[in-house]
Amino acid sequence: MPIDLGTLNENQRQAVLWNDGPMLVLAGPGSGKTRVLALRVARLVQEDPDASVLALTFTNKAAAEMRERVDHVLGQRADRAHLCTFHSYATEILRQHGSHLGLRPDFTLLTLDEDRLALLEPVARELAEAGQLVPTDRHSILRLLDHLFRESYDGGASGPGLTATPTWVPPLFARYCAALVANNRQDFGSLLHFAARLLREKPGVARVLRIGWSHVCVDEFQDTNKAQFDLLRLLVPSRNANLFVVGDDDQIIYQWNGASPERLQALRTDYDMQLVQLPENYRCPGEIIELANRLILHNKLRTEGKRPLSAHRAPTVVDDIIRYQE
């Protein structure tokens, strides 16, 4: 049975019906973006028996919601649609192909600082004994490592975001990564680092992974950090690839995790993106939308020509009460 698109507005329908080539959907809050993405994934799988869709998002919760919606639309499990986070997909890549870098498939993911410190301590101590001025606060070193992983640090003399890179940073980073491999371990940040390194150093593996997906989708793109974006570019290197991205430059809230307003600009530079906007909000009353529009006018990096949000929510009993009290 064909998927019902009758309840979609014109822009939502355009996004769902998009087939080939790169598209950026600028989706405001409450615009039905998750529904649009789920319907598009379901439609591709339903209409094309050769289609295989990789959909990447930021959190496990968002991935689970997408999976539930896609399966609900199709009325069955969509085996040719893989919906997951960047980190979980990086984990899959390394479990399948990490042997090229010395990792065994049963590597352990370190989630506690105590376990990471146990791996870091001998590395830091060796460098200190060799005359390097390594900080004694090992927790601060962990935070630095997290930053370097997020920013796709390549081990060079200049660390991203550092005014002056101490001489101990490159050898410590290299030795920490080597210790992870030697002990068959990974931590949250290193997953993206090693997955990207694998695709760069092993072109055959990269080709296999690219062949596996006819279409790649990304949700909440504005929340991605540089490591996630670099991994995406390695997975989808062609400027005219079937890359479907949903994001909003007015909703960047994870800058502490490396998200940047410039990421969407880089995306449009790297890919020949067609653009569709979803400015209609179906969640909030008009008063809230008006305040939001006033606020986002101060976003100097928002996409040129982007339309303001518009309210399309039917009044509720709560709204009537608020108006009555006013």
Protein backbone atom coordinates (compact mmCIF):
# COMPACT_ATOMS: atom_id res chain seq x y z
CA MET A 1 0.00 0.00 0.00
CA PRO A 2 1.45 3.43 -0.97
CA ILE A 3 2.42 5.71 1.88
CA ASP A 4 -0.19 8.37 2.60
CA LEU A 5 1.26 11.85 2.11
CA GLY A 6 -2.06 13.64 2.12
CA THR A 7 -1.54 15.35 5.48
CA LEU A 8 1.80 16.90 4.53
CA ASN A 9 2.20 20.53 3.53
CA GLU A 10 3.83 21.42 0.22
CA ASN A 11 7.39 21.72 1.54
CA GLN A 12 7.12 18.57 3.65
CA ARG A 13 5.89 16.65 0.61
CA GLN A 14 8.75 18.00 -1.52
CA ALA A 15 11.27 16.72 1.03
CA VAL A 16 9.64 13.30 1.38
CA LEU A 17 9.46 12.82 -2.40
CA TRP A 18 13.09 13.87 -2.98
CA ASN A 19 14.96 10.98 -4.58
CA ASP A 20 18.55 11.43 -5.73
CA GLY A 21 21.25 13.98 -5.05
CA PRO A 22 22.04 16.05 -1.95
CA MET A 23 19.28 17.96 -0.15
CA LEU A 24 19.31 20.14 2.95
CA VAL A 25 16.04 20.52 4.85
CA LEU A 26 16.09 23.57 7.10
CA ALA A 27 13.48 22.52 9.64
CA GLY A 28 12.31 24.81 12.39
CA PRO A 29 11.09 23.51 15.76
CA GLY A 30 7.77 21.68 15.69
CA SER A 31 7.86 21.51 11.88
CA GLY A 32 7.39 17.75 11.61
CA LYS A 33 10.99 17.12 10.56
CA THR A 34 11.24 13.69 12.22
CA ARG A 35 8.03 12.65 10.50
CA VAL A 36 9.35 13.92 7.16
CA LEU A 37 12.61 12.02 7.56
CA ALA A 38 10.85 8.81 8.62
CA LEU A 39 8.40 9.01 5.72
CA ARG A 40 11.20 9.58 3.25
CA VAL A 41 13.18 6.59 4.54
CA ALA A 42 10.05 4.42 4.45
CA ARG A 43 9.14 5.58 0.94
CA LEU A 44 12.61 4.85 -0.45
CA VAL A 45 12.58 1.34 1.01
CA GLN A 46 9.02 0.66 -0.15
CA GLU A 47 9.35 1.95 -3.70
CA ASP A 48 12.86 0.74 -4.58
CA PRO A 49 13.76 -2.90 -3.85
CA ASP A 50 17.44 -2.02 -4.31
CA ALA A 51 17.43 0.94 -1.91
CA SER A 52 19.38 0.75 1.33
CA VAL A 53 19.26 3.71 3.70
CA LEU A 54 21.64 4.71 6.46
CA ALA A 55 20.09 7.31 8.78
CA LEU A 56 22.41 8.89 11.34
CA THR A 57 21.35 11.03 14.26
CA PHE A 58 22.70 12.47 17.47
CA THR A 59 21.11 10.46 20.31
CA ASN A 60 19.93 6.91 20.90
CA LYS A 61 16.49 8.28 21.76
CA ALA A 62 16.18 10.03 18.39
CA ALA A 63 17.38 6.92 16.55
CA ALA A 64 14.82 4.75 18.38
CA GLU A 65 12.05 7.22 17.57
CA MET A 66 12.97 7.19 13.89
CA ARG A 67 13.06 3.39 13.87
CA GLU A 68 9.63 3.19 15.49
CA ARG A 69 8.13 5.64 13.00
CA VAL A 70 9.61 3.95 9.93
CA ASP A 71 8.46 0.50 11.06
CA HIS A 72 5.01 1.88 11.87
CA VAL A 73 4.62 3.44 8.40
CA LEU A 74 5.70 0.24 6.66
CA GLY A 75 3.83 -2.05 9.04
CA GLN A 76 6.93 -4.19 9.40
CA ARG A 77 10.60 -4.09 10.21
CA ALA A 78 12.51 -2.18 7.53
CA ASP A 79 15.62 -4.33 7.20
CA ARG A 80 17.12 -2.15 4.47
CA ALA A 81 16.99 0.94 6.69
CA HIS A 82 19.65 1.28 9.38
CA LEU A 83 18.87 4.04 11.88
CA CYS A 84 21.51 4.73 14.50
CA THR A 85 23.82 7.32 16.06
CA PHE A 86 27.18 8.33 14.65
CA HIS A 87 28.91 6.61 17.55
CA SER A 88 27.01 3.34 17.25
CA TYR A 89 27.73 3.23 13.52
CA ALA A 90 31.42 3.92 14.17
CA THR A 91 31.35 1.03 16.66
CA GLU A 92 29.89 -1.26 13.99
CA ILE A 93 32.56 -0.23 11.49
CA LEU A 94 35.35 -0.96 13.96
CA ARG A 95 33.90 -4.31 15.07
CA GLN A 96 33.68 -5.40 11.43
CA HIS A 97 36.89 -3.90 10.04
CA GLY A 98 38.94 -2.69 13.01
CA SER A 99 41.41 -5.56 12.62
CA HIS A 100 43.08 -3.42 9.94
CA LEU A 101 44.09 -1.09 12.78
CA GLY A 102 44.91 -3.82 15.30
CA LEU A 103 41.53 -3.93 17.06
CA ARG A 104 39.75 -7.21 17.72
CA PRO A 105 35.96 -7.37 17.18
CA ASP A 106 35.33 -7.87 20.91
CA PHE A 107 36.96 -4.60 21.98
CA THR A 108 35.61 -3.03 25.18
CA LEU A 109 34.12 0.46 25.30
CA LEU A 110 35.41 2.46 28.27
CA THR A 111 32.60 4.61 29.65
CA LEU A 112 33.98 5.46 33.11
CA ASP A 113 36.72 8.01 33.73
CA GLU A 114 38.33 5.63 36.22
CA ASP A 115 38.93 3.06 33.49
CA ARG A 116 40.25 5.68 31.09
CA LEU A 117 42.57 7.06 33.78
CA ALA A 118 43.98 3.59 34.37
CA LEU A 119 44.94 3.48 30.69
CA LEU A 120 46.19 7.07 30.62
CA GLU A 121 48.31 7.01 33.79
CA PRO A 122 51.27 4.90 32.55
CA VAL A 123 51.35 6.90 29.31
CA ALA A 124 51.47 10.23 31.15
CA ARG A 125 53.99 8.94 33.68
CA GLU A 126 56.39 7.71 30.98
CA LEU A 127 56.33 11.10 29.26
CA ALA A 128 56.85 12.91 32.57
CA GLU A 129 59.83 10.69 33.38
CA ALA A 130 61.24 11.51 29.95
CA GLY A 131 61.21 15.21 30.85
CA GLN A 132 57.87 16.31 29.40
CA LEU A 133 55.89 18.76 31.56
CA VAL A 134 52.72 16.67 31.65
CA PRO A 135 50.04 18.05 34.05
CA THR A 136 49.59 16.08 37.23
CA ASP A 137 45.83 16.58 37.01
CA ARG A 138 44.98 13.56 34.89
CA HIS A 139 41.29 14.47 34.70
CA SER A 140 42.22 17.66 32.87
CA ILE A 141 44.16 15.55 30.38
CA LEU A 142 41.06 13.42 29.77
CA ARG A 143 39.06 16.57 29.03
CA LEU A 144 41.77 17.66 26.60
CA LEU A 145 41.70 14.26 24.89
CA ASP A 146 37.92 14.51 24.55
CA HIS A 147 38.34 17.93 22.94
CA LEU A 148 41.00 16.66 20.53
CA PHE A 149 38.85 13.70 19.50
CA ARG A 150 35.82 15.97 18.91
CA GLU A 151 37.92 18.30 16.75
CA SER A 152 39.42 15.52 14.59
CA TYR A 153 42.95 16.13 15.83
CA ASP A 154 45.48 14.45 13.54
CA GLY A 155 48.34 14.22 16.01
CA GLY A 156 50.25 17.18 14.57
CA ALA A 157 52.21 19.90 16.32
CA SER A 158 49.22 22.26 16.45
CA GLY A 159 46.16 21.17 18.41
CA PRO A 160 42.78 22.52 17.24
CA GLY A 161 41.44 25.28 19.44
CA LEU A 162 44.67 25.58 21.45
CA THR A 163 46.40 28.94 21.50
CA ALA A 164 49.74 27.21 22.05
CA THR A 165 50.08 23.42 21.89
CA PRO A 166 52.40 22.02 24.61
CA THR A 167 55.10 19.72 23.28
CA TRP A 168 53.74 16.80 25.29
CA VAL A 169 50.34 16.82 23.57
CA PRO A 170 51.24 15.07 20.27
CA PRO A 171 53.19 12.18 21.87
CA LEU A 172 50.61 11.74 24.63
CA PHE A 173 47.76 11.63 22.13
CA ALA A 174 49.60 9.11 19.94
CA ARG A 175 50.53 6.91 22.91
CA TYR A 176 47.03 7.02 24.37
CA CYS A 177 45.59 5.89 21.03
CA ALA A 178 48.22 3.15 20.83
CA ALA A 179 47.36 2.03 24.37
CA LEU A 180 43.68 1.79 23.43
CA VAL A 181 44.53 -0.52 20.54
CA ALA A 182 47.08 -2.56 22.49
CA ASN A 183 44.53 -3.20 25.26
CA ASN A 184 41.65 -3.75 22.80
CA ARG A 185 39.78 -0.77 24.20
CA GLN A 186 37.94 2.27 22.86
CA ASP A 187 36.39 5.26 24.55
CA PHE A 188 33.52 7.42 23.37
CA GLY A 189 35.68 9.96 21.54
CA SER A 190 38.13 7.52 20.02
CA LEU A 191 35.37 5.61 18.20
CA LEU A 192 34.98 8.40 15.65
CA HIS A 193 38.74 8.94 15.48
CA PHE A 194 39.54 5.33 14.63
CA ALA A 195 36.55 4.90 12.29
CA ALA A 196 37.65 7.95 10.29
CA ARG A 197 41.26 6.79 10.33
CA LEU A 198 40.16 3.40 9.01
CA LEU A 199 38.29 4.94 6.08
CA ARG A 200 41.20 7.22 5.24
CA GLU A 201 43.91 4.56 5.47
CA LYS A 202 42.00 1.63 3.98
CA PRO A 203 40.30 2.69 0.72
CA GLY A 204 39.01 -0.85 0.15
CA VAL A 205 37.07 -0.76 3.41
CA ALA A 206 35.74 2.69 2.55
CA ARG A 207 34.49 1.43 -0.82
CA VAL A 208 32.70 -1.52 0.78
CA LEU A 209 30.95 0.74 3.28
CA ARG A 210 29.88 3.23 0.61
CA ILE A 211 28.50 0.52 -1.66
CA GLY A 212 26.35 -0.72 1.21
CA TRP A 213 24.13 2.40 1.25
CA SER A 214 22.30 3.89 -1.72
CA HIS A 215 21.10 6.80 0.43
CA VAL A 216 22.43 8.45 3.58
CA CYS A 217 20.31 10.66 5.85
CA VAL A 218 21.34 12.81 8.81
CA ASP A 219 18.99 14.21 11.44
CA GLU A 220 19.76 17.15 13.77
CA PHE A 221 22.80 18.02 11.69
CA GLN A 222 23.33 21.28 13.58
CA ASP A 223 24.41 19.23 16.62
CA THR A 224 27.25 17.40 14.89
CA ASN A 225 30.85 18.10 15.83
CA LYS A 226 33.83 18.13 13.48
CA ALA A 227 34.68 14.47 14.06
CA GLN A 228 31.15 13.43 13.12
CA PHE A 229 31.15 15.67 10.06
CA ASP A 230 34.53 14.38 8.92
CA LEU A 231 33.29 10.80 9.26
CA LEU A 232 30.22 11.69 7.20
CA ARG A 233 32.39 13.20 4.46
CA LEU A 234 34.44 10.00 4.34
CA LEU A 235 31.28 7.90 4.09
CA VAL A 236 29.75 10.18 1.46
CA PRO A 237 32.62 11.79 -0.47
CA SER A 238 30.81 12.64 -3.71
CA ARG A 239 29.57 16.21 -4.08
CA ASN A 240 26.43 14.86 -5.78
CA ALA A 241 25.80 11.96 -3.41
CA ASN A 242 22.35 10.88 -2.23
CA LEU A 243 22.76 12.76 1.02
CA PHE A 244 19.63 14.03 2.79
CA VAL A 245 20.31 16.31 5.75
CA VAL A 246 17.84 17.79 8.22
CA GLY A 247 19.02 20.61 10.45
CA ASP A 248 18.42 24.13 11.70
CA ASP A 249 21.03 26.84 12.21
CA ASP A 250 18.73 28.48 14.78
CA GLN A 251 18.78 25.45 17.10
CA ILE A 252 22.47 24.88 17.79
CA ILE A 253 22.62 23.97 21.50
CA TYR A 254 25.54 21.53 21.68
CA GLN A 255 28.42 23.94 21.12
CA TRP A 256 29.98 22.57 24.33
CA ASN A 257 30.28 19.28 22.41
CA GLY A 258 31.85 20.82 19.32
CA ALA A 259 28.72 21.82 17.38
CA SER A 260 29.21 25.00 15.37
CA PRO A 261 27.04 27.38 13.32
CA GLU A 262 29.66 27.08 10.60
CA ARG A 263 29.00 23.35 10.12
CA LEU A 264 25.92 23.95 7.94
CA GLN A 265 27.88 26.42 5.85
CA ALA A 266 30.64 23.83 5.36
CA LEU A 267 28.03 21.24 4.39
CA ARG A 268 26.63 23.46 1.65
CA THR A 269 30.16 24.20 0.44
CA ASP A 270 31.15 20.53 0.27
CA TYR A 271 27.94 19.32 -1.38
CA ASP A 272 25.76 20.74 -4.13
CA MET A 273 22.76 20.92 -1.78
CA GLN A 274 19.23 21.62 -2.94
CA LEU A 275 17.40 23.52 -0.21
CA VAL A 276 13.89 23.23 1.17
CA GLN A 277 12.59 24.99 4.27
CA LEU A 278 10.05 23.82 6.85
CA PRO A 279 9.24 27.06 8.71
CA GLU A 280 5.73 26.03 9.76
CA ASN A 281 5.41 25.25 13.46
CA TYR A 282 2.62 22.87 14.50
CA ARG A 283 3.46 22.81 18.20
CA CYS A 284 3.44 26.31 19.69
CA PRO A 285 0.91 29.14 19.81
CA GLY A 286 1.48 32.29 17.78
CA GLU A 287 2.71 34.33 20.74
CA ILE A 288 5.61 31.94 21.28
CA ILE A 289 6.48 31.90 17.58
CA GLU A 290 6.54 35.69 17.50
CA LEU A 291 8.98 35.78 20.42
CA ALA A 292 11.13 33.09 18.78
CA ASN A 293 11.31 35.08 15.54
CA ARG A 294 12.48 38.15 17.43
CA LEU A 295 15.20 36.11 19.10
CA ILE A 296 16.56 34.33 16.02
CA LEU A 297 16.93 37.62 14.17
CA HIS A 298 20.08 38.04 16.27
CA ASN A 299 21.62 34.89 14.72
CA LYS A 300 24.11 36.48 12.32
CA LEU A 301 25.10 33.10 10.84
CA ARG A 302 21.62 31.88 9.87
CA THR A 303 21.06 30.93 6.25
CA GLU A 304 20.52 33.91 3.96
CA GLY A 305 16.92 34.28 2.87
CA LYS A 306 15.63 31.87 5.50
CA ARG A 307 11.96 32.50 6.20
CA PRO A 308 10.71 33.28 9.72
CA LEU A 309 8.75 30.69 11.69
CA SER A 310 4.99 30.65 11.27
CA ALA A 311 2.38 29.21 13.65
CA HIS A 312 0.05 26.53 12.28
CA ARG A 313 -1.25 25.05 15.50
CA ALA A 314 -5.00 24.94 16.12
CA PRO A 315 -6.03 26.76 19.33
CA THR A 316 -6.45 24.53 22.37
CA VAL A 317 -8.44 24.86 25.56
CA VAL A 318 -5.26 25.99 27.32
CA ASP A 319 -4.82 28.79 24.78
CA ASP A 320 -8.42 29.91 25.34
CA ILE A 321 -7.79 30.03 29.11
CA ILE A 322 -4.63 32.10 28.61
CA ARG A 323 -6.44 34.59 26.39
CA TYR A 324 -9.33 34.80 28.86
CA GLN A 325 -6.91 35.58 31.73
CA GLU A 326 -5.24 38.26 29.68
